[in-house]
PDB file of N, CA and C in Angstrom:
ATOM      1  N   UNK A   1    -136.245 142.730 -16.217  1.00  0.00           N
ATOM      2  CA  UNK A   1    -135.412 142.302 -16.572  1.00  0.00           C
ATOM      3  C   UNK A   1    -134.341 141.294 -15.272  1.00  0.00           C
ATOM      4  N   UNK A   2    -134.064 140.609 -15.836  1.00  0.00           N
ATOM      5  CA  UNK A   2    -133.156 139.822 -15.327  1.00  0.00           C
ATOM      6  C   UNK A   2    -132.158 139.967 -14.456  1.00  0.00           C
ATOM      7  N   UNK A   3    -131.781 139.524 -13.491  1.00  0.00           N
ATOM      8  CA  UNK A   3    -130.874 139.718 -12.626  1.00  0.00           C
ATOM      9  C   UNK A   3    -130.274 138.843 -12.260  1.00  0.00           C
ATOM     10  N   UNK A   4    -128.582 138.220 -12.333  1.00  0.00           N
ATOM     11  CA  UNK A   4    -128.138 137.715 -12.070  1.00  0.00           C
ATOM     12  C   UNK A   4    -126.780 137.974 -10.832  1.00  0.00           C
ATOM     13  N   UNK A   5    -126.823 137.366  -9.431  1.00  0.00           N
ATOM     14  CA  UNK A   5    -125.924 137.562  -8.764  1.00  0.00           C
ATOM     15  C   UNK A   5    -124.835 136.516  -7.835  1.00  0.00           C
ATOM     16  N   UNK A   6    -123.925 137.165  -7.371  1.00  0.00           N
ATOM     17  CA  UNK A   6    -123.531 136.088  -6.691  1.00  0.00           C
ATOM     18  C   UNK A   6    -122.309 136.183  -5.881  1.00  0.00           C
ATOM     19  N   UNK A   7    -121.976 135.854  -4.767  1.00  0.00           N
ATOM     20  CA  UNK A   7    -121.390 136.641  -4.016  1.00  0.00           C
ATOM     21  C   UNK A   7    -120.421 135.690  -3.030  1.00  0.00           C
ATOM     22  N   UNK A   8    -118.987 135.923  -3.160  1.00  0.00           N
ATOM     23  CA  UNK A   8    -117.447 135.323  -2.608  1.00  0.00           C
ATOM     24  C   UNK A   8    -117.132 135.821  -1.591  1.00  0.00           C
ATOM     25  N   UNK A   9    -116.758 134.958   0.029  1.00  0.00           N
ATOM     26  CA  UNK A   9    -115.862 135.462   0.686  1.00  0.00           C
ATOM     27  C   UNK A   9    -114.530 135.187   0.481  1.00  0.00           C
ATOM     28  N   UNK A  10    -113.619 136.173   0.511  1.00  0.00           N
ATOM     29  CA  UNK A  10    -112.338 136.149   0.539  1.00  0.00           C
ATOM     30  C   UNK A  10    -111.680 136.247   1.945  1.00  0.00           C
ATOM     31  N   UNK A  11    -110.563 135.199   2.451  1.00  0.00           N
ATOM     32  CA  UNK A  11    -110.186 135.254   3.528  1.00  0.00           C
ATOM     33  C   UNK A  11    -108.271 135.531   2.835  1.00  0.00           C
ATOM     34  N   UNK A  12    -107.997 136.654   2.418  1.00  0.00           N
ATOM     35  CA  UNK A  12    -107.054 137.713   1.921  1.00  0.00           C
ATOM     36  C   UNK A  12    -106.363 138.590   2.382  1.00  0.00           C
ATOM     37  N   UNK A  13    -105.459 139.043   2.152  1.00  0.00           N
ATOM     38  CA  UNK A  13    -105.452 140.601   2.439  1.00  0.00           C
ATOM     39  C   UNK A  13    -105.693 141.275   0.991  1.00  0.00           C
ATOM     40  N   UNK A  14    -105.846 142.770   1.254  1.00  0.00           N
ATOM     41  CA  UNK A  14    -106.370 143.396  -0.096  1.00  0.00           C
ATOM     42  C   UNK A  14    -105.497 143.526  -0.881  1.00  0.00           C
ATOM     43  N   UNK A  15    -103.879 143.437  -0.626  1.00  0.00           N
ATOM     44  CA  UNK A  15    -102.893 142.978  -1.912  1.00  0.00           C
ATOM     45  C   UNK A  15    -103.106 142.168  -2.613  1.00  0.00           C
ATOM     46  N   UNK A  16    -103.261 140.758  -2.302  1.00  0.00           N
ATOM     47  CA  UNK A  16    -103.547 139.519  -2.855  1.00  0.00           C
ATOM     48  C   UNK A  16    -104.888 139.614  -3.529  1.00  0.00           C
ATOM     49  N   UNK A  17    -105.976 140.376  -2.909  1.00  0.00           N
ATOM     50  CA  UNK A  17    -107.325 140.350  -3.791  1.00  0.00           C
ATOM     51  C   UNK A  17    -107.099 140.871  -4.909  1.00  0.00           C
ATOM     52  N   UNK A  18    -106.170 142.012  -4.805  1.00  0.00           N
ATOM     53  CA  UNK A  18    -106.469 142.839  -5.924  1.00  0.00           C
ATOM     54  C   UNK A  18    -105.510 142.321  -6.566  1.00  0.00           C
ATOM     55  N   UNK A  19    -104.221 141.729  -7.063  1.00  0.00           N
ATOM     56  CA  UNK A  19    -103.324 141.050  -7.649  1.00  0.00           C
ATOM     57  C   UNK A  19    -104.587 139.835  -8.601  1.00  0.00           C
ATOM     58  N   UNK A  20    -104.983 139.525  -8.074  1.00  0.00           N
ATOM     59  CA  UNK A  20    -106.358 138.122  -8.318  1.00  0.00           C
ATOM     60  C   UNK A  20    -107.455 138.890  -9.507  1.00  0.00           C
ATOM     61  N   UNK A  21    -108.024 139.973  -8.663  1.00  0.00           N
ATOM     62  CA  UNK A  21    -108.746 141.020  -9.569  1.00  0.00           C
ATOM     63  C   UNK A  21    -108.486 141.274 -10.871  1.00  0.00           C
ATOM     64  N   UNK A  22    -106.986 142.214 -10.687  1.00  0.00           N
ATOM     65  CA  UNK A  22    -106.258 142.617 -11.669  1.00  0.00           C
ATOM     66  C   UNK A  22    -106.116 141.578 -13.239  1.00  0.00           C
ATOM     67  N   UNK A  23    -105.873 140.481 -12.728  1.00  0.00           N
ATOM     68  CA  UNK A  23    -105.601 139.518 -13.728  1.00  0.00           C
ATOM     69  C   UNK A  23    -106.911 138.424 -14.215  1.00  0.00           C
ATOM     70  N   UNK A  24    -108.005 139.188 -14.850  1.00  0.00           N
ATOM     71  CA  UNK A  24    -108.965 138.805 -15.136  1.00  0.00           C
ATOM     72  C   UNK A  24    -109.275 137.196 -16.234  1.00  0.00           C
ATOM     73  N   UNK A  25    -107.965 137.270 -16.579  1.00  0.00           N
ATOM     74  CA  UNK A  25    -107.915 135.626 -16.875  1.00  0.00           C
ATOM     75  C   UNK A  25    -108.186 134.864 -15.675  1.00  0.00           C
ATOM     76  N   UNK A  26    -108.129 135.372 -14.580  1.00  0.00           N
ATOM     77  CA  UNK A  26    -108.035 134.010 -13.234  1.00  0.00           C
ATOM     78  C   UNK A  26    -110.033 134.486 -12.859  1.00  0.00           C
ATOM     79  N   UNK A  27    -110.416 135.063 -13.660  1.00  0.00           N
ATOM     80  CA  UNK A  27    -112.233 134.995 -13.478  1.00  0.00           C
ATOM     81  C   UNK A  27    -112.537 134.046 -13.491  1.00  0.00           C
ATOM     82  N   UNK A  28    -112.490 133.181 -13.943  1.00  0.00           N
ATOM     83  CA  UNK A  28    -113.463 131.494 -13.955  1.00  0.00           C
ATOM     84  C   UNK A  28    -113.294 130.852 -12.850  1.00  0.00           C
ATOM     85  N   UNK A  29    -111.852 131.079 -12.331  1.00  0.00           N
ATOM     86  CA  UNK A  29    -111.235 130.529 -10.578  1.00  0.00           C
ATOM     87  C   UNK A  29    -112.785 131.154  -9.873  1.00  0.00           C
ATOM     88  N   UNK A  30    -113.631 132.416  -9.457  1.00  0.00           N
ATOM     89  CA  UNK A  30    -114.333 132.812  -8.843  1.00  0.00           C
ATOM     90  C   UNK A  30    -115.635 133.023  -9.511  1.00  0.00           C
ATOM     91  N   UNK A  31    -115.998 133.260 -10.697  1.00  0.00           N
ATOM     92  CA  UNK A  31    -117.317 133.279 -10.924  1.00  0.00           C
ATOM     93  C   UNK A  31    -117.665 132.297 -12.166  1.00  0.00           C
ATOM     94  N   UNK A  32    -118.728 131.780 -11.288  1.00  0.00           N
ATOM     95  CA  UNK A  32    -119.177 130.383 -11.364  1.00  0.00           C
ATOM     96  C   UNK A  32    -120.101 130.190 -12.723  1.00  0.00           C
ATOM     97  N   UNK A  33    -120.256 131.279 -13.849  1.00  0.00           N
ATOM     98  CA  UNK A  33    -120.817 131.587 -14.798  1.00  0.00           C
ATOM     99  C   UNK A  33    -120.023 131.783 -15.890  1.00  0.00           C
ATOM    100  N   UNK A  34    -118.426 132.134 -15.284  1.00  0.00           N
ATOM    101  CA  UNK A  34    -117.704 132.032 -16.488  1.00  0.00           C
ATOM    102  C   UNK A  34    -116.984 130.964 -16.726  1.00  0.00           C
ATOM    103  N   UNK A  35    -117.031 130.566 -17.882  1.00  0.00           N
ATOM    104  CA  UNK A  35    -116.352 129.633 -18.508  1.00  0.00           C
ATOM    105  C   UNK A  35    -115.061 130.151 -19.499  1.00  0.00           C
ATOM    106  N   UNK A  36    -114.459 131.404 -19.820  1.00  0.00           N
ATOM    107  CA  UNK A  36    -113.497 131.147 -20.820  1.00  0.00           C
ATOM    108  C   UNK A  36    -113.600 132.938 -20.888  1.00  0.00           C
ATOM    109  N   UNK A  37    -112.172 133.312 -20.812  1.00  0.00           N
ATOM    110  CA  UNK A  37    -112.039 134.936 -21.023  1.00  0.00           C
ATOM    111  C   UNK A  37    -111.241 134.924 -22.558  1.00  0.00           C
ATOM    112  N   UNK A  38    -111.504 135.936 -22.817  1.00  0.00           N
ATOM    113  CA  UNK A  38    -110.764 136.238 -24.590  1.00  0.00           C
ATOM    114  C   UNK A  38    -109.950 137.536 -24.758  1.00  0.00           C
ATOM    115  N   UNK A  39    -108.894 137.321 -25.528  1.00  0.00           N
ATOM    116  CA  UNK A  39    -108.381 138.981 -25.622  1.00  0.00           C
ATOM    117  C   UNK A  39    -108.516 139.498 -24.241  1.00  0.00           C
ATOM    118  N   UNK A  40    -108.094 138.693 -23.166  1.00  0.00           N
ATOM    119  CA  UNK A  40    -107.818 139.562 -22.138  1.00  0.00           C
ATOM    120  C   UNK A  40    -106.497 140.164 -21.868  1.00  0.00           C
ATOM    121  N   UNK A  41    -106.159 141.037 -21.021  1.00  0.00           N
ATOM    122  CA  UNK A  41    -104.678 141.398 -21.159  1.00  0.00           C
ATOM    123  C   UNK A  41    -103.995 140.560 -19.718  1.00  0.00           C
ATOM    124  N   UNK A  42    -103.100 140.700 -19.429  1.00  0.00           N
ATOM    125  CA  UNK A  42    -101.861 139.928 -18.632  1.00  0.00           C
ATOM    126  C   UNK A  42    -102.527 140.087 -17.017  1.00  0.00           C
ATOM    127  N   UNK A  43    -102.785 141.918 -17.433  1.00  0.00           N
ATOM    128  CA  UNK A  43    -103.239 142.209 -16.257  1.00  0.00           C
ATOM    129  C   UNK A  43    -103.727 143.652 -16.444  1.00  0.00           C
ATOM    130  N   UNK A  44    -105.290 143.773 -15.908  1.00  0.00           N
ATOM    131  CA  UNK A  44    -105.630 145.140 -16.079  1.00  0.00           C
ATOM    132  C   UNK A  44    -105.047 146.509 -15.003  1.00  0.00           C
ATOM    133  N   UNK A  45    -103.903 147.188 -15.908  1.00  0.00           N
ATOM    134  CA  UNK A  45    -103.762 148.300 -15.461  1.00  0.00           C
ATOM    135  C   UNK A  45    -103.415 149.555 -15.581  1.00  0.00           C
ATOM    136  N   UNK A  46    -104.645 149.957 -16.583  1.00  0.00           N
ATOM    137  CA  UNK A  46    -104.987 151.190 -17.188  1.00  0.00           C
ATOM    138  C   UNK A  46    -106.158 151.131 -17.151  1.00  0.00           C
ATOM    139  N   UNK A  47    -106.897 152.340 -17.588  1.00  0.00           N
ATOM    140  CA  UNK A  47    -108.529 152.543 -18.050  1.00  0.00           C
ATOM    141  C   UNK A  47    -108.299 152.618 -19.641  1.00  0.00           C
ATOM    142  N   UNK A  48    -108.888 151.844 -20.064  1.00  0.00           N
ATOM    143  CA  UNK A  48    -109.268 151.923 -21.613  1.00  0.00           C
ATOM    144  C   UNK A  48    -109.068 150.131 -21.951  1.00  0.00           C
ATOM    145  N   UNK A  49    -108.893 149.460 -21.196  1.00  0.00           N
ATOM    146  CA  UNK A  49    -108.530 147.815 -21.747  1.00  0.00           C
ATOM    147  C   UNK A  49    -109.597 147.174 -21.515  1.00  0.00           C
ATOM    148  N   UNK A  50    -109.501 146.510 -22.523  1.00  0.00           N
ATOM    149  CA  UNK A  50    -110.865 145.887 -23.004  1.00  0.00           C
ATOM    150  C   UNK A  50    -110.361 144.101 -22.982  1.00  0.00           C
ATOM    151  N   UNK A  51    -111.837 143.068 -22.455  1.00  0.00           N
ATOM    152  CA  UNK A  51    -111.711 141.758 -22.850  1.00  0.00           C
ATOM    153  C   UNK A  51    -112.677 140.929 -22.976  1.00  0.00           C
ATOM    154  N   UNK A  52    -113.178 140.190 -23.305  1.00  0.00           N
ATOM    155  CA  UNK A  52    -114.340 139.109 -23.475  1.00  0.00           C
ATOM    156  C   UNK A  52    -114.570 138.114 -22.779  1.00  0.00           C
ATOM    157  N   UNK A  53    -115.997 138.273 -21.859  1.00  0.00           N
ATOM    158  CA  UNK A  53    -115.722 136.867 -21.013  1.00  0.00           C
ATOM    159  C   UNK A  53    -116.839 136.133 -21.679  1.00  0.00           C
ATOM    160  N   UNK A  54    -116.585 134.974 -21.481  1.00  0.00           N
ATOM    161  CA  UNK A  54    -117.730 133.885 -22.051  1.00  0.00           C
ATOM    162  C   UNK A  54    -118.521 133.395 -20.941  1.00  0.00           C
ATOM    163  N   UNK A  55    -119.789 133.328 -20.779  1.00  0.00           N
ATOM    164  CA  UNK A  55    -120.112 133.223 -19.855  1.00  0.00           C
ATOM    165  C   UNK A  55    -121.368 131.812 -19.693  1.00  0.00           C
ATOM    166  N   UNK A  56    -121.599 131.262 -18.804  1.00  0.00           N
ATOM    167  CA  UNK A  56    -122.800 130.310 -19.230  1.00  0.00           C
ATOM    168  C   UNK A  56    -123.719 130.301 -17.872  1.00  0.00           C
ATOM    169  N   UNK A  57    -125.275 130.601 -18.060  1.00  0.00           N
ATOM    170  CA  UNK A  57    -126.259 130.472 -17.503  1.00  0.00           C
ATOM    171  C   UNK A  57    -127.296 129.697 -18.068  1.00  0.00           C
ATOM    172  N   UNK A  58    -128.277 129.782 -17.206  1.00  0.00           N
ATOM    173  CA  UNK A  58    -129.487 129.455 -17.343  1.00  0.00           C
ATOM    174  C   UNK A  58    -129.467 128.547 -18.554  1.00  0.00           C
ATOM    175  N   UNK A  59    -128.047 127.732 -19.081  1.00  0.00           N
ATOM    176  CA  UNK A  59    -128.753 126.578 -20.255  1.00  0.00           C
ATOM    177  C   UNK A  59    -127.689 127.540 -21.241  1.00  0.00           C
ATOM    178  N   UNK A  60    -127.418 128.508 -21.299  1.00  0.00           N
ATOM    179  CA  UNK A  60    -127.014 129.327 -22.714  1.00  0.00           C
ATOM    180  C   UNK A  60    -125.705 129.714 -21.935  1.00  0.00           C
ATOM    181  N   UNK A  61    -124.750 130.088 -23.305  1.00  0.00           N
ATOM    182  CA  UNK A  61    -123.572 130.361 -23.578  1.00  0.00           C
ATOM    183  C   UNK A  61    -123.678 132.017 -24.363  1.00  0.00           C
ATOM    184  N   UNK A  62    -123.099 133.057 -23.524  1.00  0.00           N
ATOM    185  CA  UNK A  62    -122.886 134.271 -24.529  1.00  0.00           C
ATOM    186  C   UNK A  62    -121.576 134.799 -24.568  1.00  0.00           C
ATOM    187  N   UNK A  63    -121.195 135.769 -24.755  1.00  0.00           N
ATOM    188  CA  UNK A  63    -120.174 136.578 -24.797  1.00  0.00           C
ATOM    189  C   UNK A  63    -120.406 138.096 -24.298  1.00  0.00           C
ATOM    190  N   UNK A  64    -119.852 138.858 -23.689  1.00  0.00           N
ATOM    191  CA  UNK A  64    -119.839 139.569 -22.827  1.00  0.00           C
ATOM    192  C   UNK A  64    -118.455 140.943 -23.324  1.00  0.00           C
ATOM    193  N   UNK A  65    -118.542 141.559 -23.798  1.00  0.00           N
ATOM    194  CA  UNK A  65    -117.556 142.602 -23.825  1.00  0.00           C
ATOM    195  C   UNK A  65    -117.300 143.620 -22.897  1.00  0.00           C
ATOM    196  N   UNK A  66    -115.927 143.975 -21.856  1.00  0.00           N
ATOM    197  CA  UNK A  66    -116.170 144.700 -21.102  1.00  0.00           C
ATOM    198  C   UNK A  66    -115.149 145.534 -21.655  1.00  0.00           C
ATOM    199  N   UNK A  67    -114.651 146.649 -20.866  1.00  0.00           N
ATOM    200  CA  UNK A  67    -113.799 147.723 -20.970  1.00  0.00           C
ATOM    201  C   UNK A  67    -113.318 148.131 -19.358  1.00  0.00           C
ATOM    202  N   UNK A  68    -111.822 148.745 -19.127  1.00  0.00           N
ATOM    203  CA  UNK A  68    -112.201 148.921 -18.304  1.00  0.00           C
ATOM    204  C   UNK A  68    -112.111 150.658 -18.157  1.00  0.00           C
ATOM    205  N   UNK A  69    -112.697 151.215 -17.013  1.00  0.00           N
ATOM    206  CA  UNK A  69    -113.342 152.792 -16.811  1.00  0.00           C
ATOM    207  C   UNK A  69    -112.278 153.248 -15.782  1.00  0.00           C
ATOM    208  N   UNK A  70    -112.012 152.986 -14.870  1.00  0.00           N
ATOM    209  CA  UNK A  70    -111.518 153.661 -13.435  1.00  0.00           C
ATOM    210  C   UNK A  70    -110.188 152.659 -12.938  1.00  0.00           C
ATOM    211  N   UNK A  71    -109.170 152.807 -12.901  1.00  0.00           N
ATOM    212  CA  UNK A  71    -108.232 152.225 -12.064  1.00  0.00           C
ATOM    213  C   UNK A  71    -107.325 152.970 -11.424  1.00  0.00           C
ATOM    214  N   UNK A  72    -107.138 152.450 -10.479  1.00  0.00           N
ATOM    215  CA  UNK A  72    -106.463 152.866  -9.330  1.00  0.00           C
ATOM    216  C   UNK A  72    -105.868 151.330  -8.304  1.00  0.00           C
ATOM    217  N   UNK A  73    -104.984 151.451  -8.605  1.00  0.00           N
ATOM    218  CA  UNK A  73    -104.201 149.894  -7.719  1.00  0.00           C
ATOM    219  C   UNK A  73    -104.286 150.029  -6.638  1.00  0.00           C
ATOM    220  N   UNK A  74    -105.085 149.053  -6.087  1.00  0.00           N
ATOM    221  CA  UNK A  74    -105.305 148.377  -5.013  1.00  0.00           C
ATOM    222  C   UNK A  74    -106.107 149.332  -3.834  1.00  0.00           C
ATOM    223  N   UNK A  75    -106.875 149.789  -5.167  1.00  0.00           N
ATOM    224  CA  UNK A  75    -108.101 150.648  -4.163  1.00  0.00           C
ATOM    225  C   UNK A  75    -109.346 150.824  -5.186  1.00  0.00           C
ATOM    226  N   UNK A  76    -109.359 150.758  -6.674  1.00  0.00           N
ATOM    227  CA  UNK A  76    -110.452 150.935  -7.368  1.00  0.00           C
ATOM    228  C   UNK A  76    -110.161 150.605  -9.170  1.00  0.00           C
ATOM    229  N   UNK A  77    -111.099 149.635  -9.421  1.00  0.00           N
ATOM    230  CA  UNK A  77    -111.088 148.593 -10.278  1.00  0.00           C
ATOM    231  C   UNK A  77    -112.673 148.904 -11.047  1.00  0.00           C
ATOM    232  N   UNK A  78    -113.189 149.690 -11.768  1.00  0.00           N
ATOM    233  CA  UNK A  78    -114.249 149.832 -12.225  1.00  0.00           C
ATOM    234  C   UNK A  78    -114.250 149.155 -13.798  1.00  0.00           C
ATOM    235  N   UNK A  79    -115.103 148.548 -14.251  1.00  0.00           N
ATOM    236  CA  UNK A  79    -115.376 148.364 -15.256  1.00  0.00           C
ATOM    237  C   UNK A  79    -117.099 148.190 -15.675  1.00  0.00           C
ATOM    238  N   UNK A  80    -117.183 148.690 -16.816  1.00  0.00           N
ATOM    239  CA  UNK A  80    -118.598 148.435 -17.842  1.00  0.00           C
ATOM    240  C   UNK A  80    -118.433 146.793 -19.031  1.00  0.00           C
ATOM    241  N   UNK A  81    -119.245 146.506 -19.223  1.00  0.00           N
ATOM    242  CA  UNK A  81    -119.742 145.277 -19.951  1.00  0.00           C
ATOM    243  C   UNK A  81    -121.331 145.019 -20.532  1.00  0.00           C
ATOM    244  N   UNK A  82    -121.244 144.832 -21.507  1.00  0.00           N
ATOM    245  CA  UNK A  82    -122.449 144.253 -22.619  1.00  0.00           C
ATOM    246  C   UNK A  82    -122.456 143.146 -22.821  1.00  0.00           C
ATOM    247  N   UNK A  83    -123.493 142.677 -23.439  1.00  0.00           N
ATOM    248  CA  UNK A  83    -123.781 141.043 -23.677  1.00  0.00           C
ATOM    249  C   UNK A  83    -124.507 141.725 -25.140  1.00  0.00           C
TER     250      UNK A  83
END
């Protein structure tokens, strides 16, 4: 099974980081493989929210569907996705 990983260092307060992560429409700003977000909410603020990420890697483009599983403001944001 292939694995794609990325690492980003952020010089910001936890609140500033949370604001960016909860705004999934901003994912293309810090995920180099993300080219678009489709049907994304304005802000992830509860469990069960869904959105679609358009990814380009290894010369191919595909959509992955995501669902918010756990949400605790400024503490935990866990999502599950499938391609």
